[in-house]
Protein backbone atom coordinates (compact mmCIF):
# COMPACT_ATOMS: atom_id res chain seq x y z
CA MET A 1 -35.04 115.05 88.34
CA SER A 2 -33.74 117.52 90.94
CA PHE A 3 -35.87 120.34 89.53
CA GLY A 4 -38.95 118.15 89.71
CA LEU A 5 -38.35 117.20 93.34
CA LEU A 6 -37.53 120.77 94.34
CA PHE A 7 -40.61 122.18 92.65
CA GLY A 8 -42.71 119.36 94.10
CA LEU A 9 -41.63 120.20 97.66
CA LEU A 10 -42.36 123.85 96.97
CA GLY A 11 -45.80 122.82 95.72
CA LEU A 12 -46.58 120.99 98.97
CA ILE A 13 -45.79 124.13 100.96
CA VAL A 14 -47.74 126.38 98.58
CA GLY A 15 -50.65 123.94 98.67
CA SER A 16 -50.86 124.32 102.45
CA PHE A 17 -51.18 128.08 101.99
CA LEU A 18 -53.75 127.63 99.20
CA ASN A 19 -55.98 125.74 101.63
CA VAL A 20 -56.01 128.84 103.81
CA VAL A 21 -56.82 131.07 100.83
CA ILE A 22 -59.67 128.80 99.70
CA LEU A 23 -61.27 128.37 103.12
CA ARG A 24 -61.00 132.00 104.16
CA HIS A 25 -62.03 133.59 100.86
CA GLY A 26 -64.99 135.86 101.50
CA ALA A 27 -65.18 134.75 105.13
CA ARG A 28 -62.21 136.21 107.00
CA SER A 29 -58.80 137.77 106.58
CA LEU A 30 -55.74 135.74 105.73
CA ASN A 31 -54.13 137.12 108.89
CA GLY A 32 -54.14 135.03 112.03
CA ARG A 33 -53.00 131.54 112.89
CA SER A 34 -54.75 128.42 111.69
CA GLY A 35 -56.93 126.48 114.09
CA CYS A 36 -59.17 123.43 114.26
CA MET A 37 -62.51 124.06 112.57
CA SER A 38 -64.26 122.07 115.34
CA CYS A 39 -62.70 123.17 118.63
CA GLY A 40 -60.72 126.25 117.60
CA THR A 41 -57.42 124.99 119.03
CA GLN A 42 -54.47 126.69 117.36
CA LEU A 43 -52.41 124.28 115.31
CA ARG A 44 -48.74 123.67 116.08
CA TRP A 45 -46.16 123.57 113.31
CA TYR A 46 -45.95 119.77 113.43
CA ASP A 47 -49.71 119.59 112.82
CA MET A 48 -49.37 121.55 109.58
CA ILE A 49 -46.75 119.55 107.69
CA PRO A 50 -48.34 119.14 104.24
CA VAL A 51 -50.04 115.76 103.71
CA PHE A 52 -47.96 113.97 106.34
CA SER A 53 -49.60 115.59 109.38
CA TRP A 54 -53.07 114.68 108.12
CA LEU A 55 -51.99 111.08 107.52
CA GLU A 56 -50.20 110.81 110.87
CA LEU A 57 -53.28 112.03 112.74
CA GLY A 58 -55.64 109.84 110.73
CA GLY A 59 -57.53 112.87 109.44
CA ARG A 60 -58.49 114.05 112.92
CA CYS A 61 -57.67 116.98 115.20
CA ARG A 62 -55.01 116.19 117.79
CA ALA A 63 -56.94 118.04 120.52
CA CYS A 64 -60.63 117.16 120.03
CA ARG A 65 -60.34 114.23 117.58
CA GLY A 66 -62.83 115.94 115.29
CA ARG A 67 -62.61 115.05 111.61
CA VAL A 68 -60.33 117.17 109.43
CA SER A 69 -61.48 117.54 105.82
CA VAL A 70 -59.72 115.43 103.19
CA GLN A 71 -59.51 118.68 101.21
CA TYR A 72 -56.30 119.60 103.03
CA PRO A 73 -54.06 116.74 101.86
CA LEU A 74 -55.71 116.59 98.43
CA VAL A 75 -55.01 120.27 97.70
CA GLU A 76 -51.45 119.96 99.00
CA ALA A 77 -50.74 116.78 97.05
CA ALA A 78 -52.30 118.16 93.85
CA THR A 79 -50.25 121.35 94.07
CA GLY A 80 -47.08 119.37 94.75
CA LEU A 81 -47.75 117.08 91.79
CA LEU A 82 -48.44 119.95 89.38
CA PHE A 83 -45.42 121.94 90.53
CA GLY A 84 -43.28 118.79 90.25
CA LEU A 85 -44.42 118.16 86.68
CA LEU A 86 -43.58 121.75 85.79
CA GLY A 87 -40.20 121.33 87.48
CA PHE A 88 -39.36 118.29 85.34
CA TRP A 89 -40.18 120.38 82.26
CA VAL A 90 -38.00 123.26 83.48
CA GLY A 91 -35.10 120.86 84.03
CA SER A 92 -35.36 119.50 80.50
CA SER A 93 -36.07 122.82 78.73
CA SER A 94 -33.67 125.44 77.41
CA LEU A 95 -35.16 128.37 79.33
CA GLY A 96 -32.02 128.99 81.36
CA LEU A 97 -31.77 131.73 83.97
CA SER A 98 -32.61 134.62 81.66
CA LEU A 99 -35.09 137.19 82.95
CA PRO A 100 -37.86 136.18 80.52
CA GLY A 101 -37.29 132.50 81.34
CA VAL A 102 -37.48 133.01 85.11
CA ALA A 103 -40.53 135.28 84.71
CA LEU A 104 -42.26 132.64 82.58
CA ILE A 105 -41.59 129.92 85.17
CA LEU A 106 -42.98 132.10 87.97
CA ILE A 107 -46.08 132.89 85.92
CA HIS A 108 -46.64 129.20 85.20
CA LEU A 109 -46.34 128.39 88.90
CA CYS A 110 -48.85 131.12 89.73
CA VAL A 111 -51.23 129.83 87.06
CA LEU A 112 -51.11 126.32 88.55
CA ALA A 113 -51.76 127.73 92.05
CA VAL A 114 -54.77 129.69 90.77
CA PHE A 115 -56.02 126.56 88.99
CA VAL A 116 -55.97 124.63 92.27
CA CYS A 117 -57.84 127.44 94.07
CA ILE A 118 -60.50 127.79 91.38
CA THR A 119 -61.04 124.03 91.08
CA THR A 120 -61.45 123.49 94.82
CA TYR A 121 -63.65 126.54 95.36
CA ASP A 122 -65.87 125.71 92.40
CA ILE A 123 -66.36 122.16 93.67
CA LEU A 124 -67.26 123.44 97.15
CA HIS A 125 -69.44 126.41 96.18
CA THR A 126 -70.21 126.02 92.42
CA ILE A 127 -68.91 129.51 91.77
CA ILE A 128 -65.63 130.93 90.45
CA PRO A 129 -64.43 134.10 92.22
CA ASP A 130 -63.92 136.93 89.72
CA GLU A 131 -60.61 138.05 91.21
CA TRP A 132 -59.09 134.60 90.72
CA VAL A 133 -60.28 134.09 87.16
CA TYR A 134 -59.18 137.61 86.17
CA ALA A 135 -55.78 136.98 87.76
CA PHE A 136 -55.43 133.81 85.69
CA ALA A 137 -56.46 135.60 82.50
CA GLY A 138 -53.93 138.37 83.17
CA LEU A 139 -51.12 135.91 83.87
CA ALA A 140 -51.94 133.89 80.74
CA PHE A 141 -52.01 137.02 78.58
CA VAL A 142 -48.65 138.28 79.88
CA SER A 143 -47.05 134.85 79.46
CA GLN A 144 -47.50 135.01 75.69
CA PHE A 145 -45.19 138.03 75.46
CA LEU A 146 -42.40 136.11 77.20
CA GLN A 147 -42.26 133.45 74.49
CA PRO A 148 -40.76 133.74 71.00
CA PHE A 149 -43.10 134.37 68.06
CA SER A 150 -42.26 133.62 64.46
CA ASP A 151 -43.97 136.72 63.07
CA GLU A 152 -46.47 139.49 63.86
CA TYR A 153 -49.39 137.40 62.63
CA THR A 154 -48.69 134.81 65.29
CA LEU A 155 -48.70 137.43 68.06
CA LEU A 156 -52.03 138.84 66.87
CA TRP A 157 -53.36 135.29 66.56
CA PHE A 158 -52.67 134.69 70.25
CA ILE A 159 -54.03 138.06 71.36
CA PHE A 160 -57.39 137.20 69.83
CA ALA A 161 -57.20 133.62 71.10
CA GLY A 162 -58.83 134.47 74.43
CA PRO A 163 -62.07 135.90 73.00
CA VAL A 164 -62.22 133.20 70.32
CA VAL A 165 -62.01 130.35 72.86
CA ALA A 166 -64.39 132.05 75.29
CA ALA A 167 -67.01 132.79 72.63
CA PRO A 168 -68.72 129.33 72.57
CA LEU A 169 -69.15 129.21 76.35
CA PHE A 170 -70.28 132.83 76.44
CA ALA A 171 -72.90 132.02 73.81
CA LEU A 172 -74.13 129.07 75.88
CA TRP A 173 -74.40 131.31 78.93
CA LEU A 174 -76.16 134.06 76.98
CA PHE A 175 -78.75 131.93 75.17
CA SER A 176 -79.54 129.78 78.21
CA ARG A 177 -79.59 132.79 80.56
CA GLY A 178 -77.15 131.00 82.81
CA ARG A 179 -79.01 127.68 83.01
CA TRP A 180 -76.56 125.67 80.88
CA MET A 181 -73.31 127.46 81.61
CA GLY A 182 -72.05 129.96 84.18
CA LEU A 183 -70.46 133.23 83.11
CA GLY A 184 -67.47 132.32 85.26
CA ASP A 185 -66.74 129.39 82.94
CA ALA A 186 -66.65 131.73 79.93
CA LYS A 187 -64.26 134.03 81.80
CA LEU A 188 -62.09 131.02 82.59
CA ALA A 189 -62.03 130.04 78.92
CA LEU A 190 -60.75 133.53 78.11
CA GLY A 191 -57.54 132.83 80.02
CA ILE A 192 -57.31 129.30 78.62
CA GLY A 193 -57.29 130.76 75.10
CA TRP A 194 -54.43 133.09 75.99
CA LEU A 195 -52.51 130.31 77.73
CA LEU A 196 -52.84 127.65 75.01
CA GLY A 197 -53.59 129.61 71.87
CA PRO A 198 -56.73 129.36 69.73
CA ALA A 199 -56.43 125.78 68.45
CA LEU A 200 -55.40 124.06 71.66
CA GLY A 201 -57.69 126.35 73.64
CA LEU A 202 -60.71 125.19 71.64
CA LEU A 203 -59.48 121.62 72.04
CA ALA A 204 -59.39 122.15 75.82
CA VAL A 205 -62.99 123.38 75.81
CA PHE A 206 -64.10 120.38 73.75
CA GLY A 207 -62.12 118.06 76.00
CA ALA A 208 -63.80 119.57 79.07
CA PHE A 209 -67.21 118.44 77.79
CA VAL A 210 -65.85 114.92 77.22
CA VAL A 211 -64.26 114.77 80.68
CA GLY A 212 -67.41 116.26 82.20
CA ALA A 213 -69.59 113.61 80.59
CA ILE A 214 -67.39 110.78 81.85
CA VAL A 215 -67.13 112.14 85.38
CA SER A 216 -70.85 112.91 85.49
CA ILE A 217 -71.62 109.28 84.70
CA LEU A 218 -69.30 108.20 87.50
CA ILE A 219 -71.04 110.59 89.88
CA LEU A 220 -74.49 109.34 88.94
CA LEU A 221 -73.52 105.69 89.43
CA PRO A 222 -70.89 104.57 91.99
CA LEU A 223 -69.66 107.81 93.58
CA PRO A 224 -72.45 108.12 96.19
CA HIS A 225 -71.50 104.70 97.52
CA ILE A 226 -67.82 105.63 97.51
CA ALA A 227 -68.62 108.80 99.46
CA GLU A 228 -70.55 106.78 102.00
CA ALA A 229 -67.66 104.32 102.38
CA LEU A 230 -65.14 107.15 102.89
CA TYR A 231 -67.42 108.64 105.54
CA THR A 232 -67.71 105.29 107.31
CA LEU A 233 -63.91 104.97 107.36
CA GLY A 234 -63.63 108.46 108.85
CA ILE A 235 -61.79 109.88 105.83
CA THR A 236 -64.44 112.49 104.94
CA SER A 237 -66.80 114.49 107.13
CA ARG A 238 -69.90 113.95 104.94
CA GLY A 239 -71.47 110.81 103.57
CA LYS A 240 -73.81 110.29 100.62
CA PRO A 241 -75.87 113.45 99.92
CA ARG A 242 -79.49 113.22 100.97
CA GLY A 243 -81.45 112.02 97.97
CA GLY A 244 -78.24 111.03 96.15
CA PHE A 245 -77.16 112.40 92.79
CA THR A 246 -79.65 112.76 89.94
CA MET A 247 -79.61 114.05 86.37
CA LYS A 248 -80.73 117.41 87.80
CA SER A 249 -77.83 117.66 90.25
CA GLU A 250 -75.68 120.75 89.69
CA ILE A 251 -72.12 119.86 88.73
CA PRO A 252 -69.53 122.67 88.33
CA PHE A 253 -67.94 122.86 84.88
CA GLY A 254 -64.86 124.85 85.88
CA PRO A 255 -62.89 121.85 87.20
CA PHE A 256 -63.43 120.01 83.91
CA LEU A 257 -62.17 123.01 81.96
CA ILE A 258 -59.08 123.24 84.15
CA LEU A 259 -58.34 119.51 84.02
CA SER A 260 -58.63 119.48 80.23
CA CYS A 261 -56.49 122.62 80.00
CA ILE A 262 -53.76 121.18 82.25
CA ILE A 263 -53.57 117.93 80.27
CA ILE A 264 -53.24 119.74 76.94
CA TRP A 265 -50.89 122.35 78.39
CA PHE A 266 -48.43 119.81 79.78
CA VAL A 267 -48.62 117.70 76.64
CA SER A 268 -47.66 120.84 74.71
CA LEU A 269 -44.90 121.82 77.16
CA TYR A 270 -43.32 118.38 76.97
CA GLY A 271 -43.20 118.62 73.18
CA ILE A 272 -45.77 115.98 72.31
CA ASP A 273 -47.11 116.94 68.90
CA THR A 274 -50.75 118.05 68.96
CA SER A 275 -50.70 120.42 65.99
CA HIS A 276 -52.25 117.80 63.70
CA VAL A 277 -55.52 118.08 65.63
CA PHE A 278 -56.32 121.47 64.10
CA GLY A 279 -53.26 122.28 62.03
CA LEU A 280 -53.41 125.91 63.17
CA LEU A 281 -50.54 126.36 65.62
CA PRO A 282 -47.20 127.45 64.13
CA ARG A 283 -45.33 126.37 67.28
């Protein structure tokens, strides 16, 4: 329990920094103090307490009363939740304080942070920055060498897992010339394969299509009205998109991949048996 709470608090703080990374990526340096996006007033420390400051101010700037995006508390809360879930696993696992165990925990925390950045940025801009997806792939690849393998075949199996899992999405991108699938999604699947292994990685890709179909239906039906209601209540800065959502609306696939990956990853970490799905994983 203590590990979960400690990691959760760390996640709230990291989430506040991730908001800065997401908003400033490709626009400005990470240096410099944060300020209101409407009036430019520099924020005081008590205006930047994760989640709580946004709630206390009712989602508005203290100086100009301009709306502050709901992205801020959502990113902070999501990071805190994910870090907390990892912390509960750390507290119940047998990793200990060995160098490989500590390194693996740090890599997992970094992977979760990158997941939050990619998800938010893809939702906002429908693009996945190469440096973030390559960082995730590198972290996932290295993490496999910090875990015990039963034999050499298993190690080789996981090394080839990245390309195997990425191959279906790469084929969709290639044959559709980018109309059905973005190349960034295939790059993301590369890291998912190295993180989960070939069987669970393919399951994550399949699950992403299922989650995407469900969420897409929700977007096409009630979500525009929900967005309008949140705007009316002053929670978000934009209401229902002009023209609404249609079957031709562009919906990023990266967040579905990440959500599916996280679900399967945590199920695996917590020891819930999923090997029967494919019967391929030796661990």
